[in-house]
N, C-alpha and C. Protein backbone atom coordinates (compact mmCIF):
# COMPACT_ATOMS: atom_id res chain seq x y z
N MET A 1 0.98 -1.02 0.40
CA MET A 1 0.09 0.11 -0.10
C MET A 1 0.99 1.13 0.22
N ARG A 2 0.35 1.93 -0.69
CA ARG A 2 1.18 3.35 -0.63
C ARG A 2 1.22 4.26 0.65
N PRO A 3 2.11 4.79 0.70
CA PRO A 3 2.12 6.03 1.92
C PRO A 3 1.16 7.05 1.50
N ARG A 4 0.51 7.83 2.43
CA ARG A 4 -0.87 8.76 2.19
C ARG A 4 0.05 9.88 1.47
N HIS A 5 0.90 10.25 1.72
CA HIS A 5 1.30 11.29 0.80
C HIS A 5 1.88 11.07 -0.81
N ALA A 6 1.74 10.18 -1.06
CA ALA A 6 2.01 9.47 -2.18
C ALA A 6 0.57 9.57 -3.11
N LEU A 7 -0.41 8.68 -2.40
CA LEU A 7 -1.48 9.28 -2.95
C LEU A 7 -2.47 10.32 -2.75
N ASP A 8 -1.46 11.42 -2.44
CA ASP A 8 -2.30 12.98 -2.02
C ASP A 8 -1.37 13.55 -3.68
N ASP A 9 -0.32 13.33 -3.88
CA ASP A 9 0.68 13.50 -5.01
C ASP A 9 0.03 13.37 -6.57
N VAL A 10 -0.59 11.97 -5.96
CA VAL A 10 -1.18 11.23 -7.52
C VAL A 10 -2.59 11.90 -8.06
N ARG A 11 -3.44 12.15 -6.49
CA ARG A 11 -4.77 12.97 -6.82
C ARG A 11 -4.21 14.28 -7.63
N ALA A 12 -3.34 15.05 -6.50
CA ALA A 12 -3.00 16.35 -6.95
C ALA A 12 -3.04 16.69 -8.26
N GLN A 13 -1.88 15.68 -8.88
CA GLN A 13 -1.08 15.51 -10.43
C GLN A 13 -2.37 15.45 -11.30
N GLU A 14 -3.29 14.57 -10.83
CA GLU A 14 -4.82 13.77 -12.25
C GLU A 14 -5.47 15.34 -11.93
N PHE A 15 -5.68 16.05 -10.73
CA PHE A 15 -6.75 17.21 -10.79
C PHE A 15 -6.06 18.22 -11.74
N ARG A 16 -5.04 18.55 -11.22
CA ARG A 16 -3.75 19.43 -12.51
C ARG A 16 -4.37 19.49 -13.82
N ALA A 17 -4.06 18.16 -14.27
CA ALA A 17 -4.03 17.85 -15.96
C ALA A 17 -5.48 17.94 -15.93
N TYR A 18 -6.52 17.75 -15.09
CA TYR A 18 -7.81 17.96 -15.34
C TYR A 18 -8.31 19.66 -15.33
N VAL A 19 -7.74 20.29 -14.96
CA VAL A 19 -7.66 21.95 -14.86
C VAL A 19 -6.76 22.44 -16.02
N ALA A 20 -6.23 21.87 -16.22
CA ALA A 20 -5.29 22.40 -17.52
C ALA A 20 -5.94 21.85 -18.87
N GLY A 21 -6.71 20.84 -19.05
CA GLY A 21 -7.50 20.48 -20.04
C GLY A 21 -9.07 20.92 -20.24
N ALA A 22 -9.68 21.13 -19.09
CA ALA A 22 -11.08 21.98 -18.66
C ALA A 22 -11.14 23.16 -18.22
N GLY A 23 -10.54 23.78 -17.92
CA GLY A 23 -9.96 25.39 -16.83
C GLY A 23 -10.46 26.20 -17.91
N GLY A 24 -10.54 26.39 -19.21
CA GLY A 24 -10.47 27.42 -20.36
C GLY A 24 -12.09 27.36 -20.83
N ARG A 25 -12.13 25.84 -21.03
CA ARG A 25 -14.00 26.17 -21.53
C ARG A 25 -14.61 26.41 -20.46
N LEU A 26 -14.10 26.23 -18.82
CA LEU A 26 -15.18 26.07 -18.05
C LEU A 26 -15.30 27.84 -17.53
N LEU A 27 -14.15 28.17 -17.73
CA LEU A 27 -13.75 29.70 -17.60
C LEU A 27 -14.91 30.56 -18.48
N GLN A 28 -14.75 29.98 -19.43
CA GLN A 28 -15.52 30.46 -20.62
C GLN A 28 -16.95 30.32 -20.14
N THR A 29 -17.63 29.25 -19.70
CA THR A 29 -18.83 28.96 -19.44
C THR A 29 -19.28 30.12 -18.09
N ALA A 30 -18.38 30.18 -17.18
CA ALA A 30 -18.97 31.16 -16.11
C ALA A 30 -18.77 32.07 -16.60
N THR A 31 -18.07 32.84 -17.53
CA THR A 31 -17.83 34.05 -18.01
C THR A 31 -19.02 34.08 -18.88
N LEU A 32 -19.99 33.70 -19.60
CA LEU A 32 -20.99 33.84 -19.86
C LEU A 32 -22.02 34.13 -19.44
N LEU A 33 -22.18 32.71 -18.43
CA LEU A 33 -23.32 32.62 -17.18
C LEU A 33 -23.14 34.39 -16.53
N THR A 34 -21.90 35.01 -16.16
CA THR A 34 -22.06 36.46 -15.66
C THR A 34 -22.20 37.18 -16.58
N ALA A 35 -22.11 36.96 -17.77
CA ALA A 35 -22.29 38.26 -18.77
C ALA A 35 -21.24 39.43 -18.58
N GLU A 36 -19.87 38.80 -18.11
CA GLU A 36 -19.20 39.75 -18.11
C GLU A 36 -18.08 39.73 -19.06
N PRO A 37 -17.36 40.69 -19.23
CA PRO A 37 -16.04 40.73 -20.51
C PRO A 37 -15.09 39.85 -20.08
N PRO A 38 -14.64 39.05 -21.03
CA PRO A 38 -13.84 38.12 -21.09
C PRO A 38 -12.30 38.28 -20.33
N ASP A 39 -12.09 39.59 -20.26
CA ASP A 39 -10.96 40.14 -19.56
C ASP A 39 -10.60 40.84 -18.44
N ALA A 40 -12.09 40.77 -18.18
CA ALA A 40 -12.75 41.79 -16.47
C ALA A 40 -14.09 40.37 -16.23
N ASN A 41 -13.42 39.53 -15.42
CA ASN A 41 -14.36 38.32 -15.34
C ASN A 41 -14.14 38.19 -13.93
N PRO A 42 -14.38 38.91 -12.71
CA PRO A 42 -13.89 38.73 -11.02
C PRO A 42 -15.46 37.60 -10.87
N ARG A 43 -16.35 37.65 -11.06
CA ARG A 43 -17.51 37.01 -10.45
C ARG A 43 -17.17 35.76 -11.41
N ALA A 44 -17.14 35.19 -13.01
CA ALA A 44 -16.79 34.64 -13.09
C ALA A 44 -15.89 33.43 -12.90
N ARG A 45 -14.44 34.13 -12.35
CA ARG A 45 -13.24 33.52 -11.71
C ARG A 45 -13.60 32.92 -10.37
N ARG A 46 -14.16 33.88 -9.79
CA ARG A 46 -15.02 33.11 -8.34
C ARG A 46 -15.56 31.92 -8.46
N LEU A 47 -16.92 32.01 -9.21
CA LEU A 47 -17.76 31.16 -9.40
C LEU A 47 -16.92 29.81 -10.26
N LEU A 48 -16.27 29.94 -11.18
CA LEU A 48 -15.30 28.81 -11.48
C LEU A 48 -13.97 28.14 -9.99
N THR A 49 -13.70 29.10 -9.61
CA THR A 49 -12.88 28.89 -8.55
C THR A 49 -13.53 28.01 -7.40
N LEU A 50 -14.73 28.38 -7.08
CA LEU A 50 -15.93 27.25 -5.98
C LEU A 50 -15.75 26.10 -6.94
N ALA A 51 -16.30 26.19 -7.78
CA ALA A 51 -16.92 24.50 -8.55
C ALA A 51 -15.63 23.96 -8.51
N LEU A 52 -14.56 24.44 -8.72
CA LEU A 52 -13.06 23.24 -8.86
C LEU A 52 -12.41 23.06 -7.55
N ALA A 53 -12.49 23.64 -6.73
CA ALA A 53 -12.34 23.58 -5.16
C ALA A 53 -13.58 22.42 -4.63
N ARG A 54 -14.64 22.23 -5.81
CA ARG A 54 -16.07 21.45 -5.07
C ARG A 54 -15.36 20.15 -5.79
N THR A 55 -15.07 19.99 -6.62
CA THR A 55 -14.62 19.36 -7.49
C THR A 55 -13.04 18.34 -6.84
N TYR A 56 -12.12 19.22 -6.40
CA TYR A 56 -11.40 18.85 -5.50
C TYR A 56 -11.94 17.71 -4.35
N ALA A 57 -12.48 18.39 -3.57
CA ALA A 57 -12.59 17.94 -2.60
C ALA A 57 -13.30 16.51 -3.11
N CYS A 58 -14.05 16.22 -3.84
CA CYS A 58 -15.23 14.75 -4.01
C CYS A 58 -14.26 14.28 -5.28
N TRP A 59 -12.84 14.64 -5.59
CA TRP A 59 -12.10 13.85 -6.51
C TRP A 59 -12.29 12.10 -6.33
N ASP A 60 -11.83 12.00 -5.19
CA ASP A 60 -11.91 10.19 -4.83
C ASP A 60 -13.44 9.74 -4.83
N GLY A 61 -14.12 10.26 -4.75
CA GLY A 61 -15.64 10.16 -4.67
C GLY A 61 -16.27 9.99 -6.06
N LEU A 62 -15.65 10.43 -7.35
CA LEU A 62 -15.86 10.36 -8.52
C LEU A 62 -16.24 8.75 -9.27
N HIS A 63 -15.14 8.32 -8.83
CA HIS A 63 -15.16 6.79 -8.84
C HIS A 63 -15.23 6.70 -10.40
N GLY A 64 -14.48 7.08 -11.45
CA GLY A 64 -14.48 7.31 -12.79
C GLY A 64 -15.42 8.21 -13.49
N GLY A 65 -16.32 8.90 -12.67
CA GLY A 65 -17.80 9.70 -12.72
C GLY A 65 -16.83 11.08 -13.59
N ASP A 66 -17.74 11.58 -14.53
CA ASP A 66 -16.91 12.70 -15.45
C ASP A 66 -16.70 13.89 -14.45
N PRO A 67 -15.68 14.39 -14.06
CA PRO A 67 -15.15 15.63 -13.45
C PRO A 67 -15.67 16.95 -14.23
N TYR A 68 -15.89 16.59 -15.57
CA TYR A 68 -16.24 18.33 -16.23
C TYR A 68 -17.94 18.40 -15.93
N ASP A 69 -18.30 17.05 -15.81
CA ASP A 69 -19.82 17.18 -15.92
C ASP A 69 -20.04 17.37 -14.14
N HIS A 70 -19.28 17.01 -13.42
CA HIS A 70 -19.70 17.87 -11.92
C HIS A 70 -19.05 18.83 -11.85
N THR A 71 -18.16 19.35 -12.44
CA THR A 71 -17.92 20.62 -12.32
C THR A 71 -18.76 21.65 -12.82
N ARG A 72 -19.30 21.21 -13.89
CA ARG A 72 -20.09 22.32 -14.66
C ARG A 72 -21.37 22.33 -14.04
N ARG A 73 -21.83 20.88 -13.06
CA ARG A 73 -23.50 21.14 -12.31
C ARG A 73 -22.67 21.81 -11.31
N TYR A 74 -21.70 21.68 -10.39
CA TYR A 74 -22.06 22.72 -9.37
C TYR A 74 -21.39 23.92 -9.98
N LEU A 75 -21.38 24.61 -10.85
CA LEU A 75 -21.10 25.85 -11.32
C LEU A 75 -22.38 26.49 -12.06
N VAL A 76 -23.09 25.53 -12.21
CA VAL A 76 -24.62 26.07 -12.91
C VAL A 76 -25.33 26.23 -11.16
N THR A 77 -25.11 25.54 -10.60
CA THR A 77 -26.15 25.48 -9.37
C THR A 77 -25.67 26.48 -8.58
N ARG A 78 -24.05 26.73 -8.89
CA ARG A 78 -23.83 27.87 -7.71
C ARG A 78 -24.34 28.95 -8.19
N PHE A 79 -24.54 29.62 -9.39
CA PHE A 79 -25.01 30.44 -10.21
C PHE A 79 -25.80 30.80 -10.00
N ALA A 80 -27.25 29.37 -10.49
CA ALA A 80 -28.60 30.26 -10.29
C ALA A 80 -28.50 30.08 -9.15
N LEU A 81 -28.02 30.15 -7.67
CA LEU A 81 -28.62 30.47 -6.38
C LEU A 81 -28.12 31.60 -6.06
N SER A 82 -26.96 32.07 -6.93
CA SER A 82 -26.49 33.41 -6.47
C SER A 82 -27.09 34.43 -6.96
N ALA A 83 -27.51 34.10 -8.20
CA ALA A 83 -28.63 34.90 -9.13
C ALA A 83 -29.81 34.94 -8.49
N TRP A 84 -30.23 33.71 -7.96
CA TRP A 84 -31.75 34.20 -7.08
C TRP A 84 -31.71 35.06 -6.03
N HIS A 85 -30.35 34.76 -5.13
CA HIS A 85 -30.20 35.69 -4.14
C HIS A 85 -30.09 37.30 -4.32
N ARG A 86 -29.22 37.40 -5.55
CA ARG A 86 -28.62 38.69 -5.76
C ARG A 86 -30.06 39.49 -6.35
N HIS A 87 -31.03 38.43 -7.08
CA HIS A 87 -32.12 39.17 -7.54
C HIS A 87 -33.20 39.30 -6.70
N ARG A 88 -33.34 38.59 -5.67
CA ARG A 88 -34.34 39.20 -4.82
C ARG A 88 -33.76 40.16 -4.00
N ALA A 89 -32.33 40.21 -3.61
CA ALA A 89 -31.83 41.05 -2.49
C ALA A 89 -31.79 42.63 -2.74
N LEU A 90 -31.03 42.59 -4.45
CA LEU A 90 -31.02 44.23 -5.07
C LEU A 90 -31.40 44.11 -6.52
N ARG A 91 -31.56 45.46 -6.65
CA ARG A 91 -32.15 45.31 -8.45
C ARG A 91 -30.70 44.94 -9.25
N PRO A 92 -31.07 44.85 -10.14
CA PRO A 92 -30.33 44.25 -11.01
C PRO A 92 -29.48 45.43 -11.29
N ARG A 93 -28.16 44.74 -11.82
CA ARG A 93 -26.90 46.02 -12.11
C ARG A 93 -26.96 45.93 -13.50
N PRO A 94 -26.72 47.04 -14.59
CA PRO A 94 -26.29 46.74 -15.47
C PRO A 94 -25.34 45.86 -16.15
N ARG A 95 -25.36 45.63 -16.86
CA ARG A 95 -24.22 44.57 -17.50
C ARG A 95 -23.27 45.62 -18.53
N PRO A 96 -22.20 45.11 -18.72
CA PRO A 96 -21.78 45.65 -19.61
C PRO A 96 -21.91 45.10 -21.25
N GLY A 97 -21.47 45.60 -22.30
CA GLY A 97 -22.20 44.89 -23.50
C GLY A 97 -21.90 43.86 -23.80
N GLY A 98 -22.24 42.91 -24.88
CA GLY A 98 -22.29 41.54 -25.37
C GLY A 98 -23.51 41.23 -25.58
N PRO A 99 -23.70 40.17 -26.06
CA PRO A 99 -25.30 39.25 -26.06
C PRO A 99 -25.89 38.91 -25.50
N LEU A 100 -25.02 38.37 -24.33
CA LEU A 100 -25.79 37.76 -23.19
C LEU A 100 -26.71 38.69 -22.39
N SER A 101 -25.92 39.76 -22.31
CA SER A 101 -26.09 41.13 -21.12
C SER A 101 -27.56 41.50 -20.93
N VAL A 102 -28.04 41.09 -21.99
CA VAL A 102 -29.80 41.34 -22.23
C VAL A 102 -30.46 40.66 -21.87
N LEU A 103 -30.03 39.30 -21.24
CA LEU A 103 -30.84 38.26 -21.00
C LEU A 103 -30.69 37.97 -19.46
N ASN A 104 -31.94 38.00 -18.77
CA ASN A 104 -31.91 37.51 -17.14
C ASN A 104 -31.34 36.02 -16.93
N PRO A 105 -30.91 36.01 -15.99
CA PRO A 105 -29.91 34.49 -15.65
C PRO A 105 -30.46 33.55 -15.81
N GLN A 106 -31.74 32.94 -15.83
CA GLN A 106 -32.12 32.22 -16.22
C GLN A 106 -32.00 31.68 -17.93
N GLU A 107 -31.96 32.82 -18.50
CA GLU A 107 -32.20 32.87 -19.91
C GLU A 107 -30.62 32.54 -20.37
N ARG A 108 -29.93 32.87 -19.37
CA ARG A 108 -28.55 33.19 -20.04
C ARG A 108 -28.13 31.76 -19.64
N LEU A 109 -28.52 31.17 -18.13
CA LEU A 109 -28.38 29.46 -18.00
C LEU A 109 -28.94 28.60 -19.08
N VAL A 110 -29.95 28.86 -19.89
CA VAL A 110 -30.69 27.60 -20.61
C VAL A 110 -30.02 27.96 -21.71
N LEU A 111 -29.48 29.41 -21.97
CA LEU A 111 -28.97 29.62 -23.37
C LEU A 111 -27.09 29.11 -23.34
N VAL A 112 -26.75 29.36 -22.27
CA VAL A 112 -25.46 28.91 -22.07
C VAL A 112 -25.32 27.32 -22.38
N LEU A 113 -26.23 26.45 -21.34
CA LEU A 113 -26.40 25.13 -21.27
C LEU A 113 -26.47 24.40 -23.05
N ARG A 114 -27.38 24.96 -23.41
CA ARG A 114 -28.25 24.42 -24.42
C ARG A 114 -27.09 24.74 -26.04
N LEU A 115 -26.90 25.93 -26.14
CA LEU A 115 -26.02 26.42 -26.96
C LEU A 115 -24.25 25.82 -27.15
N HIS A 116 -23.80 26.83 -25.73
CA HIS A 116 -22.48 26.67 -25.20
C HIS A 116 -21.76 24.56 -25.40
N GLU A 117 -22.59 24.76 -23.91
CA GLU A 117 -22.52 23.22 -23.83
C GLU A 117 -23.11 22.14 -24.65
N GLY A 118 -24.07 22.65 -25.32
CA GLY A 118 -24.56 21.44 -26.18
C GLY A 118 -25.46 20.15 -25.47
N ILE A 119 -26.29 20.47 -24.38
CA ILE A 119 -26.72 19.58 -23.72
C ILE A 119 -28.19 19.75 -23.67
N ALA A 120 -28.63 18.73 -24.05
CA ALA A 120 -30.10 18.27 -24.43
C ALA A 120 -31.09 18.81 -23.68
N GLU A 121 -32.16 19.49 -24.35
CA GLU A 121 -33.24 20.03 -23.47
C GLU A 121 -33.56 19.25 -22.61
N GLU A 122 -33.90 17.84 -22.39
CA GLU A 122 -34.12 16.89 -21.23
C GLU A 122 -32.76 17.25 -20.28
N GLN A 123 -31.91 17.09 -20.75
CA GLN A 123 -30.91 17.23 -19.31
C GLN A 123 -30.58 18.46 -18.77
N THR A 124 -30.66 19.92 -19.49
CA THR A 124 -30.92 21.30 -19.20
C THR A 124 -32.36 21.53 -18.53
N ALA A 125 -33.62 20.58 -18.48
CA ALA A 125 -34.33 20.74 -17.67
C ALA A 125 -34.21 19.91 -16.29
N ALA A 126 -33.87 18.95 -16.11
CA ALA A 126 -33.12 18.10 -15.15
C ALA A 126 -32.42 18.65 -14.39
N MET A 127 -31.33 19.33 -14.92
CA MET A 127 -30.53 20.08 -14.22
C MET A 127 -30.57 21.19 -13.02
N LEU A 128 -31.82 21.80 -14.12
CA LEU A 128 -32.20 23.11 -13.33
C LEU A 128 -33.69 23.01 -12.66
N GLY A 129 -34.20 21.70 -12.78
CA GLY A 129 -35.51 21.53 -12.02
C GLY A 129 -36.51 22.24 -12.66
N LEU A 130 -36.41 21.98 -13.70
CA LEU A 130 -37.52 22.65 -14.53
C LEU A 130 -38.21 22.13 -15.66
N PRO A 131 -39.96 22.19 -15.91
CA PRO A 131 -40.32 21.33 -16.85
C PRO A 131 -39.78 21.57 -18.28
N LEU A 132 -39.81 20.66 -18.91
CA LEU A 132 -39.56 20.57 -20.10
C LEU A 132 -40.39 21.89 -21.39
N ASP A 133 -41.38 22.10 -21.06
CA ASP A 133 -42.05 23.12 -21.96
C ASP A 133 -41.68 24.48 -21.65
N ARG A 134 -40.94 24.39 -19.75
CA ARG A 134 -40.24 26.05 -19.74
C ARG A 134 -38.65 26.15 -20.12
N VAL A 135 -38.40 25.08 -20.48
CA VAL A 135 -36.80 25.23 -21.16
C VAL A 135 -37.25 25.85 -22.46
N ARG A 136 -37.90 25.01 -23.51
CA ARG A 136 -38.13 25.49 -24.35
C ARG A 136 -38.42 26.74 -24.42
N THR A 137 -39.54 27.27 -23.57
CA THR A 137 -40.04 28.76 -23.70
C THR A 137 -39.02 29.73 -23.16
N VAL A 138 -38.28 29.44 -22.03
CA VAL A 138 -36.82 30.26 -22.08
C VAL A 138 -35.94 30.54 -22.87
N HIS A 139 -35.70 29.21 -23.67
CA HIS A 139 -34.65 29.03 -25.00
C HIS A 139 -35.28 30.07 -25.93
N ASP A 140 -36.42 29.70 -26.28
CA ASP A 140 -36.82 30.79 -27.71
C ASP A 140 -37.13 32.44 -27.22
N ARG A 141 -37.56 32.41 -26.27
CA ARG A 141 -37.32 34.04 -25.58
C ARG A 141 -35.99 34.46 -25.95
N ALA A 142 -35.14 33.64 -25.21
CA ALA A 142 -33.51 34.28 -24.66
C ALA A 142 -32.92 34.30 -26.48
N MET A 143 -33.54 33.41 -27.32
CA MET A 143 -32.74 33.36 -29.05
C MET A 143 -33.52 34.78 -29.34
N ALA A 144 -34.66 35.31 -29.42
CA ALA A 144 -35.41 36.11 -30.19
C ALA A 144 -34.56 37.40 -29.60
N ALA A 145 -33.99 37.31 -28.16
CA ALA A 145 -33.64 38.65 -27.46
C ALA A 145 -32.29 38.86 -28.23
N VAL A 146 -32.06 37.78 -28.05
CA VAL A 146 -30.25 37.60 -28.72
C VAL A 146 -30.20 38.34 -30.04
N LEU A 147 -31.18 37.25 -30.62
CA LEU A 147 -31.23 37.82 -32.51
C LEU A 147 -31.65 39.22 -32.67
N ARG A 148 -32.53 39.92 -31.82
CA ARG A 148 -33.07 40.91 -32.16
C ARG A 148 -32.35 41.79 -32.42
N PRO A 149 -32.15 42.69 -33.94
CA PRO A 149 -31.28 43.54 -34.29
C PRO A 149 -31.21 44.60 -33.06
N PRO A 150 -30.43 45.56 -33.02
CA PRO A 150 -30.36 46.63 -32.28
C PRO A 150 -30.98 47.95 -32.75
N PRO A 151 -31.50 48.44 -31.88
CA PRO A 151 -32.28 49.58 -32.45
C PRO A 151 -31.40 50.45 -33.49
N ARG A 152 -31.84 51.13 -34.88
CA ARG A 152 -31.02 52.05 -34.96
C ARG A 152 -30.76 53.31 -34.93
N PRO A 153 -30.05 53.88 -34.94
CA PRO A 153 -29.97 55.36 -34.20
C PRO A 153 -30.68 56.28 -35.14
N ALA A 154 -31.16 57.02 -34.68
CA ALA A 154 -32.18 58.61 -35.50
C ALA A 154 -30.94 58.88 -36.34
N ARG A 155 -31.82 59.20 -37.41
CA ARG A 155 -30.99 59.92 -38.60
C ARG A 155 -30.84 61.40 -38.08
N THR A 156 -29.60 61.93 -38.51
CA THR A 156 -30.21 63.43 -38.27
C THR A 156 -29.33 63.82 -39.46
N GLY A 157 -29.70 65.11 -39.74
CA GLY A 157 -28.99 65.62 -40.79
C GLY A 157 -30.19 67.09 -41.01
N THR A 158 -29.54 68.09 -41.87
CA THR A 158 -29.97 69.48 -41.87
C THR A 158 -31.00 69.53 -42.87
N ARG A 159 -31.99 70.61 -42.18
CA ARG A 159 -33.16 70.91 -43.26
C ARG A 159 -32.71 72.09 -43.93
N ARG A 160 -32.71 71.98 -45.14
CA ARG A 160 -32.58 72.58 -46.43
C ARG A 160 -33.71 72.63 -47.44
N HIS A 161 -34.12 73.66 -47.54
CA HIS A 161 -35.07 74.10 -48.51
C HIS A 161 -36.44 72.90 -48.27
N GLY A 162 -36.77 72.69 -47.06
CA GLY A 162 -38.11 71.84 -46.76
C GLY A 162 -37.47 70.21 -47.04
N ALA A 163 -36.24 70.06 -47.42
CA ALA A 163 -36.16 68.69 -47.56
C ALA A 163 -35.18 68.14 -46.59
N VAL A 164 -34.90 67.28 -46.00
CA VAL A 164 -33.67 66.69 -44.95
C VAL A 164 -32.57 66.54 -45.56
N MET A 165 -31.27 67.03 -45.35
CA MET A 165 -30.05 66.73 -46.22
C MET A 165 -29.45 65.54 -45.40
N THR A 166 -29.39 64.34 -45.90
CA THR A 166 -28.66 63.15 -45.14
C THR A 166 -26.83 63.03 -45.30
N GLY A 167 -26.61 63.36 -46.84
CA GLY A 167 -25.62 63.34 -47.11
C GLY A 167 -25.80 61.74 -48.01
N GLU A 168 -26.98 61.83 -47.91
CA GLU A 168 -26.84 60.38 -49.32
C GLU A 168 -27.44 60.77 -50.65
N ALA A 169 -26.63 60.30 -51.43
CA ALA A 169 -27.04 61.03 -52.96
C ALA A 169 -27.89 59.95 -53.83
N GLY A 170 -28.79 60.99 -54.13
CA GLY A 170 -29.91 60.05 -54.46
C GLY A 170 -31.30 61.07 -54.58
């Protein structure tokens, strides 16, 4: 039997290899959930750190299970709980640009899980504890909001002899 510290070293090496391979994608997922810019994402980094710490604590208990799925599940759950508490306790803060910043937390969750992570509707519904029809409705509403073109700025021009001059020929 190996000494305890040798097992800890193997465990740490396995976990480091996992984080090296999956950390970037998980950070991108967390950043999409928080709707923060990729280069300034402290909430996403904190969320990912908590999820990875939880995964490391459960590493031996995964028994050949998928550590990515475990981390993602905790990441999603933690985000959903923090968004729920933040929504109830505070008024929503405006988010910097980006297409997902126009969505509420539930819409971002569904969109990120369905499109970015490629999770089926049924699995998304089970993960979030929502009925399948609700996931479909939220997904459709979120897609409509993201794909809606931004409002066009009002045309400005000067009046000249009763006509608006916009600089366009014709």
